[in-house]
């Protein structure tokens, strides 16, 4: 049996100075996911976490502890047993916080 995989680009070259929540993505077919956040520019501390939803309307934290970086680069974390909908919550903190990111969601059956 051939397994399916798909990588969705949820955000591309978006700049924010506080919080960013991605658009919801329906992932009911996937067994596992891996989040990638590439910080192209970063002033402060960037933190990323996942949120889950049964319907794409009402959200709660997925439960995996947030992952953080403090300089431009790549952060990643795996997810399993996440239900039907996923989105990512990003937060940048510091004296003059700013981040420019690309956000990927890699899904596998």
PDB file of N, CA and C in Angstrom:
ATOM      1  N   UNK A   1       0.837  -1.173   0.000  1.00  0.00           N
ATOM      2  CA  UNK A   1       0.000   0.000   0.000  1.00  0.00           C
ATOM      3  C   UNK A   1       0.890   1.247   0.000  1.00  0.00           C
ATOM      4  N   UNK A   2       0.596   2.173  -0.878  1.00  0.00           N
ATOM      5  CA  UNK A   2       1.344   3.419  -0.954  1.00  0.00           C
ATOM      6  C   UNK A   2       0.721   4.428  -0.008  1.00  0.00           C
ATOM      7  N   UNK A   3       1.542   4.998   0.841  1.00  0.00           N
ATOM      8  CA  UNK A   3       1.051   6.028   1.758  1.00  0.00           C
ATOM      9  C   UNK A   3       1.093   7.388   1.079  1.00  0.00           C
ATOM     10  N   UNK A   4       0.186   8.239   1.490  1.00  0.00           N
ATOM     11  CA  UNK A   4       0.107   9.580   0.922  1.00  0.00           C
ATOM     12  C   UNK A   4       0.742  10.584   1.869  1.00  0.00           C
ATOM     13  N   UNK A   5       1.315  11.618   1.285  1.00  0.00           N
ATOM     14  CA  UNK A   5       1.855  12.710   2.089  1.00  0.00           C
ATOM     15  C   UNK A   5       1.571  14.019   1.360  1.00  0.00           C
ATOM     16  N   UNK A   6       1.585  15.098   2.119  1.00  0.00           N
ATOM     17  CA  UNK A   6       1.307  16.405   1.551  1.00  0.00           C
ATOM     18  C   UNK A   6       1.930  17.457   2.450  1.00  0.00           C
ATOM     19  N   UNK A   7       2.539  18.472   1.844  1.00  0.00           N
ATOM     20  CA  UNK A   7       3.064  19.598   2.604  1.00  0.00           C
ATOM     21  C   UNK A   7       2.285  20.850   2.226  1.00  0.00           C
ATOM     22  N   UNK A   8       1.667  21.458   3.233  1.00  0.00           N
ATOM     23  CA  UNK A   8       0.903  22.687   3.032  1.00  0.00           C
ATOM     24  C   UNK A   8       1.724  23.865   3.532  1.00  0.00           C
ATOM     25  N   UNK A   9       1.796  24.917   2.741  1.00  0.00           N
ATOM     26  CA  UNK A   9       2.420  26.163   3.174  1.00  0.00           C
ATOM     27  C   UNK A   9       1.296  27.029   3.729  1.00  0.00           C
ATOM     28  N   UNK A  10       1.277  27.193   5.056  1.00  0.00           N
ATOM     29  CA  UNK A  10       0.190  27.922   5.709  1.00  0.00           C
ATOM     30  C   UNK A  10       0.413  29.423   5.720  1.00  0.00           C
ATOM     31  N   UNK A  11       1.655  29.850   5.791  1.00  0.00           N
ATOM     32  CA  UNK A  11       2.002  31.281   5.765  1.00  0.00           C
ATOM     33  C   UNK A  11       3.298  31.427   4.981  1.00  0.00           C
ATOM     34  N   UNK A  12       3.396  32.506   4.205  1.00  0.00           N
ATOM     35  CA  UNK A  12       4.603  32.724   3.403  1.00  0.00           C
ATOM     36  C   UNK A  12       5.047  34.179   3.523  1.00  0.00           C
ATOM     37  N   UNK A  13       6.233  34.377   4.104  1.00  0.00           N
ATOM     38  CA  UNK A  13       6.827  35.713   4.243  1.00  0.00           C
ATOM     39  C   UNK A  13       5.925  36.695   4.980  1.00  0.00           C
ATOM     40  N   UNK A  14       5.243  36.233   5.998  1.00  0.00           N
ATOM     41  CA  UNK A  14       4.381  37.114   6.775  1.00  0.00           C
ATOM     42  C   UNK A  14       5.176  37.674   7.951  1.00  0.00           C
ATOM     43  N   UNK A  15       5.009  38.963   8.213  1.00  0.00           N
ATOM     44  CA  UNK A  15       5.685  39.626   9.325  1.00  0.00           C
ATOM     45  C   UNK A  15       4.656  39.973  10.386  1.00  0.00           C
ATOM     46  N   UNK A  16       5.002  39.728  11.651  1.00  0.00           N
ATOM     47  CA  UNK A  16       4.109  40.071  12.757  1.00  0.00           C
ATOM     48  C   UNK A  16       4.928  40.522  13.957  1.00  0.00           C
ATOM     49  N   UNK A  17       4.287  41.235  14.875  1.00  0.00           N
ATOM     50  CA  UNK A  17       4.990  41.813  16.026  1.00  0.00           C
ATOM     51  C   UNK A  17       4.416  41.377  17.364  1.00  0.00           C
ATOM     52  N   UNK A  18       3.455  40.471  17.358  1.00  0.00           N
ATOM     53  CA  UNK A  18       2.844  39.996  18.602  1.00  0.00           C
ATOM     54  C   UNK A  18       2.459  38.529  18.442  1.00  0.00           C
ATOM     55  N   UNK A  19       1.269  38.277  17.916  1.00  0.00           N
ATOM     56  CA  UNK A  19       0.814  36.908  17.703  1.00  0.00           C
ATOM     57  C   UNK A  19       0.327  36.725  16.273  1.00  0.00           C
ATOM     58  N   UNK A  20       0.403  35.492  15.825  1.00  0.00           N
ATOM     59  CA  UNK A  20      -0.093  35.110  14.510  1.00  0.00           C
ATOM     60  C   UNK A  20      -0.738  33.738  14.654  1.00  0.00           C
ATOM     61  N   UNK A  21      -1.962  33.613  14.182  1.00  0.00           N
ATOM     62  CA  UNK A  21      -2.645  32.320  14.152  1.00  0.00           C
ATOM     63  C   UNK A  21      -2.916  32.005  12.685  1.00  0.00           C
ATOM     64  N   UNK A  22      -2.480  30.835  12.233  1.00  0.00           N
ATOM     65  CA  UNK A  22      -2.652  30.470  10.827  1.00  0.00           C
ATOM     66  C   UNK A  22      -4.107  30.135  10.533  1.00  0.00           C
ATOM     67  N   UNK A  23      -4.418  30.083   9.253  1.00  0.00           N
ATOM     68  CA  UNK A  23      -5.738  29.612   8.829  1.00  0.00           C
ATOM     69  C   UNK A  23      -5.875  28.138   9.230  1.00  0.00           C
ATOM     70  N   UNK A  24      -7.086  27.700   9.543  1.00  0.00           N
ATOM     71  CA  UNK A  24      -7.306  26.283   9.867  1.00  0.00           C
ATOM     72  C   UNK A  24      -7.015  25.394   8.658  1.00  0.00           C
ATOM     73  N   UNK A  25      -6.558  24.176   8.943  1.00  0.00           N
ATOM     74  CA  UNK A  25      -6.286  23.225   7.883  1.00  0.00           C
ATOM     75  C   UNK A  25      -6.919  21.891   8.251  1.00  0.00           C
ATOM     76  N   UNK A  26      -7.729  21.348   7.340  1.00  0.00           N
ATOM     77  CA  UNK A  26      -8.404  20.069   7.603  1.00  0.00           C
ATOM     78  C   UNK A  26      -7.423  18.931   7.376  1.00  0.00           C
ATOM     79  N   UNK A  27      -7.249  18.086   8.397  1.00  0.00           N
ATOM     80  CA  UNK A  27      -6.221  17.045   8.363  1.00  0.00           C
ATOM     81  C   UNK A  27      -6.756  15.676   8.782  1.00  0.00           C
ATOM     82  N   UNK A  28      -8.056  15.446   8.640  1.00  0.00           N
ATOM     83  CA  UNK A  28      -8.672  14.211   9.143  1.00  0.00           C
ATOM     84  C   UNK A  28      -8.057  12.948   8.535  1.00  0.00           C
ATOM     85  N   UNK A  29      -7.563  13.018   7.314  1.00  0.00           N
ATOM     86  CA  UNK A  29      -7.010  11.849   6.641  1.00  0.00           C
ATOM     87  C   UNK A  29      -5.612  11.484   7.148  1.00  0.00           C
ATOM     88  N   UNK A  30      -4.924  12.410   7.788  1.00  0.00           N
ATOM     89  CA  UNK A  30      -3.510  12.206   8.155  1.00  0.00           C
ATOM     90  C   UNK A  30      -3.378  11.519   9.512  1.00  0.00           C
ATOM     91  N   UNK A  31      -2.386  10.664   9.632  1.00  0.00           N
ATOM     92  CA  UNK A  31      -2.069  10.012  10.904  1.00  0.00           C
ATOM     93  C   UNK A  31      -1.048  10.809  11.704  1.00  0.00           C
ATOM     94  N   UNK A  32      -0.182  11.510  10.990  1.00  0.00           N
ATOM     95  CA  UNK A  32       0.852  12.273  11.670  1.00  0.00           C
ATOM     96  C   UNK A  32       1.152  13.553  10.905  1.00  0.00           C
ATOM     97  N   UNK A  33       1.720  14.497  11.633  1.00  0.00           N
ATOM     98  CA  UNK A  33       2.073  15.786  11.046  1.00  0.00           C
ATOM     99  C   UNK A  33       3.387  16.254  11.645  1.00  0.00           C
ATOM    100  N   UNK A  34       4.060  17.093  10.904  1.00  0.00           N
ATOM    101  CA  UNK A  34       5.239  17.764  11.427  1.00  0.00           C
ATOM    102  C   UNK A  34       5.121  19.227  11.038  1.00  0.00           C
ATOM    103  N   UNK A  35       5.281  20.074  12.034  1.00  0.00           N
ATOM    104  CA  UNK A  35       5.236  21.516  11.848  1.00  0.00           C
ATOM    105  C   UNK A  35       6.655  22.020  11.610  1.00  0.00           C
ATOM    106  N   UNK A  36       6.797  22.905  10.634  1.00  0.00           N
ATOM    107  CA  UNK A  36       8.059  23.596  10.397  1.00  0.00           C
ATOM    108  C   UNK A  36       7.770  25.091  10.372  1.00  0.00           C
ATOM    109  N   UNK A  37       8.510  25.852  11.134  1.00  0.00           N
ATOM    110  CA  UNK A  37       8.421  27.309  11.088  1.00  0.00           C
ATOM    111  C   UNK A  37       9.821  27.822  10.786  1.00  0.00           C
ATOM    112  N   UNK A  38       9.945  28.494   9.663  1.00  0.00           N
ATOM    113  CA  UNK A  38      11.230  29.077   9.288  1.00  0.00           C
ATOM    114  C   UNK A  38      11.167  30.567   9.580  1.00  0.00           C
ATOM    115  N   UNK A  39      11.968  30.995  10.526  1.00  0.00           N
ATOM    116  CA  UNK A  39      12.060  32.415  10.864  1.00  0.00           C
ATOM    117  C   UNK A  39      13.110  33.043   9.965  1.00  0.00           C
ATOM    118  N   UNK A  40      12.661  33.841   9.010  1.00  0.00           N
ATOM    119  CA  UNK A  40      13.574  34.499   8.083  1.00  0.00           C
ATOM    120  C   UNK A  40      14.262  35.681   8.755  1.00  0.00           C
ATOM    121  N   UNK A  41      13.485  36.430   9.523  1.00  0.00           N
ATOM    122  CA  UNK A  41      13.993  37.536  10.340  1.00  0.00           C
ATOM    123  C   UNK A  41      13.361  37.398  11.709  1.00  0.00           C
ATOM    124  N   UNK A  42      14.154  37.625  12.753  1.00  0.00           N
ATOM    125  CA  UNK A  42      13.618  37.484  14.111  1.00  0.00           C
ATOM    126  C   UNK A  42      14.310  38.452  15.054  1.00  0.00           C
ATOM    127  N   UNK A  43      13.495  39.265  15.721  1.00  0.00           N
ATOM    128  CA  UNK A  43      13.958  40.126  16.810  1.00  0.00           C
ATOM    129  C   UNK A  43      13.123  39.745  18.021  1.00  0.00           C
ATOM    130  N   UNK A  44      13.725  39.030  18.957  1.00  0.00           N
ATOM    131  CA  UNK A  44      13.014  38.538  20.135  1.00  0.00           C
ATOM    132  C   UNK A  44      13.004  37.024  20.184  1.00  0.00           C
ATOM    133  N   UNK A  45      12.021  36.498  20.878  1.00  0.00           N
ATOM    134  CA  UNK A  45      11.856  35.051  21.056  1.00  0.00           C
ATOM    135  C   UNK A  45      10.587  34.615  20.344  1.00  0.00           C
ATOM    136  N   UNK A  46      10.706  33.630  19.456  1.00  0.00           N
ATOM    137  CA  UNK A  46       9.569  33.112  18.696  1.00  0.00           C
ATOM    138  C   UNK A  46       9.136  31.776  19.288  1.00  0.00           C
ATOM    139  N   UNK A  47       7.855  31.667  19.589  1.00  0.00           N
ATOM    140  CA  UNK A  47       7.287  30.460  20.183  1.00  0.00           C
ATOM    141  C   UNK A  47       6.166  29.953  19.281  1.00  0.00           C
ATOM    142  N   UNK A  48       6.122  28.640  19.043  1.00  0.00           N
ATOM    143  CA  UNK A  48       5.094  28.041  18.193  1.00  0.00           C
ATOM    144  C   UNK A  48       4.423  26.886  18.915  1.00  0.00           C
ATOM    145  N   UNK A  49       3.099  26.788  18.756  1.00  0.00           N
ATOM    146  CA  UNK A  49       2.338  25.675  19.316  1.00  0.00           C
ATOM    147  C   UNK A  49       1.172  25.361  18.385  1.00  0.00           C
ATOM    148  N   UNK A  50       0.579  24.184  18.572  1.00  0.00           N
ATOM    149  CA  UNK A  50      -0.535  23.740  17.734  1.00  0.00           C
ATOM    150  C   UNK A  50      -1.847  23.870  18.488  1.00  0.00           C
ATOM    151  N   UNK A  51      -2.902  24.109  17.723  1.00  0.00           N
ATOM    152  CA  UNK A  51      -4.256  24.127  18.267  1.00  0.00           C
ATOM    153  C   UNK A  51      -5.111  23.168  17.451  1.00  0.00           C
ATOM    154  N   UNK A  52      -6.097  22.538  18.112  1.00  0.00           N
ATOM    155  CA  UNK A  52      -6.961  21.555  17.466  1.00  0.00           C
ATOM    156  C   UNK A  52      -8.420  21.983  17.569  1.00  0.00           C
ATOM    157  N   UNK A  53      -9.232  21.408  16.659  1.00  0.00           N
ATOM    158  CA  UNK A  53     -10.656  21.741  16.624  1.00  0.00           C
ATOM    159  C   UNK A  53     -11.435  20.566  16.035  1.00  0.00           C
ATOM    160  N   UNK A  54     -12.648  20.322  16.535  1.00  0.00           N
ATOM    161  CA  UNK A  54     -13.476  19.278  15.930  1.00  0.00           C
ATOM    162  C   UNK A  54     -14.172  19.750  14.655  1.00  0.00           C
ATOM    163  N   UNK A  55     -14.285  21.078  14.474  1.00  0.00           N
ATOM    164  CA  UNK A  55     -15.086  21.604  13.367  1.00  0.00           C
ATOM    165  C   UNK A  55     -14.447  22.774  12.615  1.00  0.00           C
ATOM    166  N   UNK A  56     -13.271  23.207  13.016  1.00  0.00           N
ATOM    167  CA  UNK A  56     -12.617  24.329  12.377  1.00  0.00           C
ATOM    168  C   UNK A  56     -13.121  25.686  12.851  1.00  0.00           C
ATOM    169  N   UNK A  57     -13.973  25.691  13.866  1.00  0.00           N
ATOM    170  CA  UNK A  57     -14.539  26.939  14.388  1.00  0.00           C
ATOM    171  C   UNK A  57     -14.124  27.227  15.826  1.00  0.00           C
ATOM    172  N   UNK A  58     -14.124  26.212  16.664  1.00  0.00           N
ATOM    173  CA  UNK A  58     -13.804  26.368  18.081  1.00  0.00           C
ATOM    174  C   UNK A  58     -12.493  25.647  18.361  1.00  0.00           C
ATOM    175  N   UNK A  59     -11.561  26.343  19.040  1.00  0.00           N
ATOM    176  CA  UNK A  59     -10.178  25.887  19.141  1.00  0.00           C
ATOM    177  C   UNK A  59      -9.737  25.706  20.573  1.00  0.00           C
ATOM    178  N   UNK A  60      -8.763  24.795  20.749  1.00  0.00           N
ATOM    179  CA  UNK A  60      -8.122  24.585  22.039  1.00  0.00           C
ATOM    180  C   UNK A  60      -6.673  24.185  21.807  1.00  0.00           C
ATOM    181  N   UNK A  61      -5.807  24.354  22.823  1.00  0.00           N
ATOM    182  CA  UNK A  61      -4.415  23.914  22.668  1.00  0.00           C
ATOM    183  C   UNK A  61      -4.349  22.405  22.415  1.00  0.00           C
ATOM    184  N   UNK A  62      -3.460  21.998  21.553  1.00  0.00           N
ATOM    185  CA  UNK A  62      -3.293  20.574  21.228  1.00  0.00           C
ATOM    186  C   UNK A  62      -2.676  19.809  22.386  1.00  0.00           C
ATOM    187  N   UNK A  63      -1.817  20.425  23.168  1.00  0.00           N
ATOM    188  CA  UNK A  63      -1.237  19.768  24.333  1.00  0.00           C
ATOM    189  C   UNK A  63       0.271  19.586  24.275  1.00  0.00           C
ATOM    190  N   UNK A  64       0.858  19.644  23.087  1.00  0.00           N
ATOM    191  CA  UNK A  64       2.310  19.563  22.967  1.00  0.00           C
ATOM    192  C   UNK A  64       2.906  20.881  23.459  1.00  0.00           C
ATOM    193  N   UNK A  65       3.934  20.821  24.309  1.00  0.00           N
ATOM    194  CA  UNK A  65       4.537  22.076  24.795  1.00  0.00           C
ATOM    195  C   UNK A  65       5.044  22.939  23.634  1.00  0.00           C
ATOM    196  N   UNK A  66       4.953  24.254  23.759  1.00  0.00           N
ATOM    197  CA  UNK A  66       5.456  25.143  22.704  1.00  0.00           C
ATOM    198  C   UNK A  66       6.955  24.941  22.462  1.00  0.00           C
ATOM    199  N   UNK A  67       7.356  25.180  21.228  1.00  0.00           N
ATOM    200  CA  UNK A  67       8.761  25.117  20.826  1.00  0.00           C
ATOM    201  C   UNK A  67       9.195  26.543  20.519  1.00  0.00           C
ATOM    202  N   UNK A  68      10.423  26.912  20.911  1.00  0.00           N
ATOM    203  CA  UNK A  68      10.865  28.301  20.748  1.00  0.00           C
ATOM    204  C   UNK A  68      12.282  28.382  20.200  1.00  0.00           C
ATOM    205  N   UNK A  69      12.550  29.506  19.499  1.00  0.00           N
ATOM    206  CA  UNK A  69      13.897  29.859  19.064  1.00  0.00           C
ATOM    207  C   UNK A  69      14.101  31.344  19.343  1.00  0.00           C
ATOM    208  N   UNK A  70      15.391  31.753  19.412  1.00  0.00           N
ATOM    209  CA  UNK A  70      15.699  33.146  19.706  1.00  0.00           C
ATOM    210  C   UNK A  70      16.552  33.810  18.643  1.00  0.00           C
ATOM    211  N   UNK A  71      16.754  33.117  17.526  1.00  0.00           N
ATOM    212  CA  UNK A  71      17.454  33.714  16.393  1.00  0.00           C
ATOM    213  C   UNK A  71      16.851  33.137  15.121  1.00  0.00           C
ATOM    214  N   UNK A  72      17.037  33.826  14.018  1.00  0.00           N
ATOM    215  CA  UNK A  72      16.498  33.355  12.747  1.00  0.00           C
ATOM    216  C   UNK A  72      16.955  31.922  12.494  1.00  0.00           C
ATOM    217  N   UNK A  73      16.064  31.115  11.966  1.00  0.00           N
ATOM    218  CA  UNK A  73      16.360  29.710  11.720  1.00  0.00           C
ATOM    219  C   UNK A  73      15.075  28.906  11.603  1.00  0.00           C
ATOM    220  N   UNK A  74      15.181  27.619  11.869  1.00  0.00           N
ATOM    221  CA  UNK A  74      14.075  26.692  11.681  1.00  0.00           C
ATOM    222  C   UNK A  74      13.727  26.023  12.992  1.00  0.00           C
ATOM    223  N   UNK A  75      12.418  25.947  13.280  1.00  0.00           N
ATOM    224  CA  UNK A  75      11.963  25.146  14.415  1.00  0.00           C
ATOM    225  C   UNK A  75      10.965  24.134  13.891  1.00  0.00           C
ATOM    226  N   UNK A  76      10.821  23.008  14.614  1.00  0.00           N
ATOM    227  CA  UNK A  76       9.947  21.939  14.156  1.00  0.00           C
ATOM    228  C   UNK A  76       9.490  21.108  15.343  1.00  0.00           C
ATOM    229  N   UNK A  77       8.303  20.518  15.206  1.00  0.00           N
ATOM    230  CA  UNK A  77       7.824  19.559  16.198  1.00  0.00           C
ATOM    231  C   UNK A  77       6.797  18.632  15.553  1.00  0.00           C
ATOM    232  N   UNK A  78       6.724  17.361  16.046  1.00  0.00           N
ATOM    233  CA  UNK A  78       5.785  16.394  15.493  1.00  0.00           C
ATOM    234  C   UNK A  78       4.443  16.438  16.221  1.00  0.00           C
ATOM    235  N   UNK A  79       3.407  15.956  15.525  1.00  0.00           N
ATOM    236  CA  UNK A  79       2.069  15.847  16.110  1.00  0.00           C
ATOM    237  C   UNK A  79       1.449  14.516  15.701  1.00  0.00           C
ATOM    238  N   UNK A  80       0.685  13.919  16.626  1.00  0.00           N
ATOM    239  CA  UNK A  80      -0.070  12.693  16.356  1.00  0.00           C
ATOM    240  C   UNK A  80      -1.396  12.778  17.093  1.00  0.00           C
ATOM    241  N   UNK A  81      -2.378  12.037  16.603  1.00  0.00           N
ATOM    242  CA  UNK A  81      -3.695  11.966  17.251  1.00  0.00           C
ATOM    243  C   UNK A  81      -4.290  13.339  17.488  1.00  0.00           C
ATOM    244  N   UNK A  82      -4.386  14.121  16.412  1.00  0.00           N
ATOM    245  CA  UNK A  82      -4.817  15.511  16.516  1.00  0.00           C
ATOM    246  C   UNK A  82      -6.240  15.747  16.036  1.00  0.00           C
ATOM    247  N   UNK A  83      -6.936  14.743  15.557  1.00  0.00           N
ATOM    248  CA  UNK A  83      -8.321  14.932  15.156  1.00  0.00           C
ATOM    249  C   UNK A  83      -8.465  15.464  13.746  1.00  0.00           C
ATOM    250  N   UNK A  84      -9.443  16.342  13.537  1.00  0.00           N
ATOM    251  CA  UNK A  84      -9.812  16.748  12.188  1.00  0.00           C
ATOM    252  C   UNK A  84      -9.212  18.067  11.705  1.00  0.00           C
ATOM    253  N   UNK A  85      -8.978  19.013  12.580  1.00  0.00           N
ATOM    254  CA  UNK A  85      -8.505  20.331  12.162  1.00  0.00           C
ATOM    255  C   UNK A  85      -7.287  20.748  12.971  1.00  0.00           C
ATOM    256  N   UNK A  86      -6.326  21.393  12.296  1.00  0.00           N
ATOM    257  CA  UNK A  86      -5.129  21.930  12.949  1.00  0.00           C
ATOM    258  C   UNK A  86      -4.930  23.379  12.526  1.00  0.00           C
ATOM    259  N   UNK A  87      -4.363  24.146  13.412  1.00  0.00           N
ATOM    260  CA  UNK A  87      -3.830  25.466  13.081  1.00  0.00           C
ATOM    261  C   UNK A  87      -2.663  25.714  14.021  1.00  0.00           C
ATOM    262  N   UNK A  88      -1.841  26.697  13.693  1.00  0.00           N
ATOM    263  CA  UNK A  88      -0.660  26.986  14.495  1.00  0.00           C
ATOM    264  C   UNK A  88      -0.764  28.373  15.091  1.00  0.00           C
ATOM    265  N   UNK A  89      -0.314  28.477  16.316  1.00  0.00           N
ATOM    266  CA  UNK A  89      -0.279  29.763  17.007  1.00  0.00           C
ATOM    267  C   UNK A  89       1.181  30.134  17.223  1.00  0.00           C
ATOM    268  N   UNK A  90       1.568  31.308  16.739  1.00  0.00           N
ATOM    269  CA  UNK A  90       2.934  31.801  16.884  1.00  0.00           C
ATOM    270  C   UNK A  90       2.895  33.070  17.721  1.00  0.00           C
ATOM    271  N   UNK A  91       3.922  33.233  18.537  1.00  0.00           N
ATOM    272  CA  UNK A  91       4.022  34.430  19.376  1.00  0.00           C
ATOM    273  C   UNK A  91       5.466  34.876  19.410  1.00  0.00           C
ATOM    274  N   UNK A  92       5.681  36.175  19.251  1.00  0.00           N
ATOM    275  CA  UNK A  92       7.026  36.722  19.355  1.00  0.00           C
ATOM    276  C   UNK A  92       7.026  37.725  20.508  1.00  0.00           C
ATOM    277  N   UNK A  93       8.041  37.612  21.360  1.00  0.00           N
ATOM    278  CA  UNK A  93       8.140  38.473  22.542  1.00  0.00           C
ATOM    279  C   UNK A  93       9.530  39.082  22.612  1.00  0.00           C
ATOM    280  N   UNK A  94       9.637  40.161  23.373  1.00  0.00           N
ATOM    281  CA  UNK A  94      10.913  40.834  23.560  1.00  0.00           C
ATOM    282  C   UNK A  94      10.714  42.335  23.580  1.00  0.00           C
ATOM    283  N   UNK A  95      11.798  43.110  23.710  1.00  0.00           N
ATOM    284  CA  UNK A  95      11.712  44.568  23.796  1.00  0.00           C
ATOM    285  C   UNK A  95      11.093  45.214  22.552  1.00  0.00           C
ATOM    286  N   UNK A  96      11.483  44.785  21.365  1.00  0.00           N
ATOM    287  CA  UNK A  96      10.909  45.287  20.109  1.00  0.00           C
ATOM    288  C   UNK A  96      10.669  44.078  19.208  1.00  0.00           C
ATOM    289  N   UNK A  97       9.674  43.243  19.558  1.00  0.00           N
ATOM    290  CA  UNK A  97       9.519  41.949  18.885  1.00  0.00           C
ATOM    291  C   UNK A  97       9.042  42.083  17.441  1.00  0.00           C
ATOM    292  N   UNK A  98       9.616  41.237  16.591  1.00  0.00           N
ATOM    293  CA  UNK A  98       9.207  41.162  15.196  1.00  0.00           C
ATOM    294  C   UNK A  98       9.707  39.847  14.615  1.00  0.00           C
ATOM    295  N   UNK A  99       8.871  39.225  13.795  1.00  0.00           N
ATOM    296  CA  UNK A  99       9.269  37.990  13.126  1.00  0.00           C
ATOM    297  C   UNK A  99       8.688  37.970  11.720  1.00  0.00           C
ATOM    298  N   UNK A 100       9.490  37.486  10.784  1.00  0.00           N
ATOM    299  CA  UNK A 100       9.026  37.220   9.414  1.00  0.00           C
ATOM    300  C   UNK A 100       9.219  35.733   9.183  1.00  0.00           C
ATOM    301  N   UNK A 101       8.117  35.025   8.890  1.00  0.00           N
ATOM    302  CA  UNK A 101       8.142  33.566   8.894  1.00  0.00           C
ATOM    303  C   UNK A 101       7.522  32.958   7.643  1.00  0.00           C
ATOM    304  N   UNK A 102       7.894  31.692   7.435  1.00  0.00           N
ATOM    305  CA  UNK A 102       7.205  30.784   6.522  1.00  0.00           C
ATOM    306  C   UNK A 102       6.780  29.602   7.388  1.00  0.00           C
ATOM    307  N   UNK A 103       5.515  29.190   7.285  1.00  0.00           N
ATOM    308  CA  UNK A 103       4.986  28.117   8.119  1.00  0.00           C
ATOM    309  C   UNK A 103       4.529  26.974   7.213  1.00  0.00           C
ATOM    310  N   UNK A 104       5.058  25.759   7.493  1.00  0.00           N
ATOM    311  CA  UNK A 104       4.715  24.567   6.737  1.00  0.00           C
ATOM    312  C   UNK A 104       4.055  23.542   7.650  1.00  0.00           C
ATOM    313  N   UNK A 105       3.131  22.778   7.085  1.00  0.00           N
ATOM    314  CA  UNK A 105       2.530  21.658   7.795  1.00  0.00           C
ATOM    315  C   UNK A 105       2.714  20.433   6.891  1.00  0.00           C
ATOM    316  N   UNK A 106       3.585  19.507   7.299  1.00  0.00           N
ATOM    317  CA  UNK A 106       3.857  18.299   6.541  1.00  0.00           C
ATOM    318  C   UNK A 106       3.006  17.165   7.099  1.00  0.00           C
ATOM    319  N   UNK A 107       2.142  16.599   6.263  1.00  0.00           N
ATOM    320  CA  UNK A 107       1.174  15.582   6.686  1.00  0.00           C
ATOM    321  C   UNK A 107       1.478  14.248   6.033  1.00  0.00           C
ATOM    322  N   UNK A 108       1.227  13.177   6.797  1.00  0.00           N
ATOM    323  CA  UNK A 108       1.471  11.836   6.276  1.00  0.00           C
ATOM    324  C   UNK A 108       0.360  10.912   6.743  1.00  0.00           C
ATOM    325  N   UNK A 109      -0.079  10.043   5.842  1.00  0.00           N
ATOM    326  CA  UNK A 109      -1.133   9.072   6.141  1.00  0.00           C
ATOM    327  C   UNK A 109      -0.579   7.947   6.979  1.00  0.00           C
TER     328      UNK A 109
END
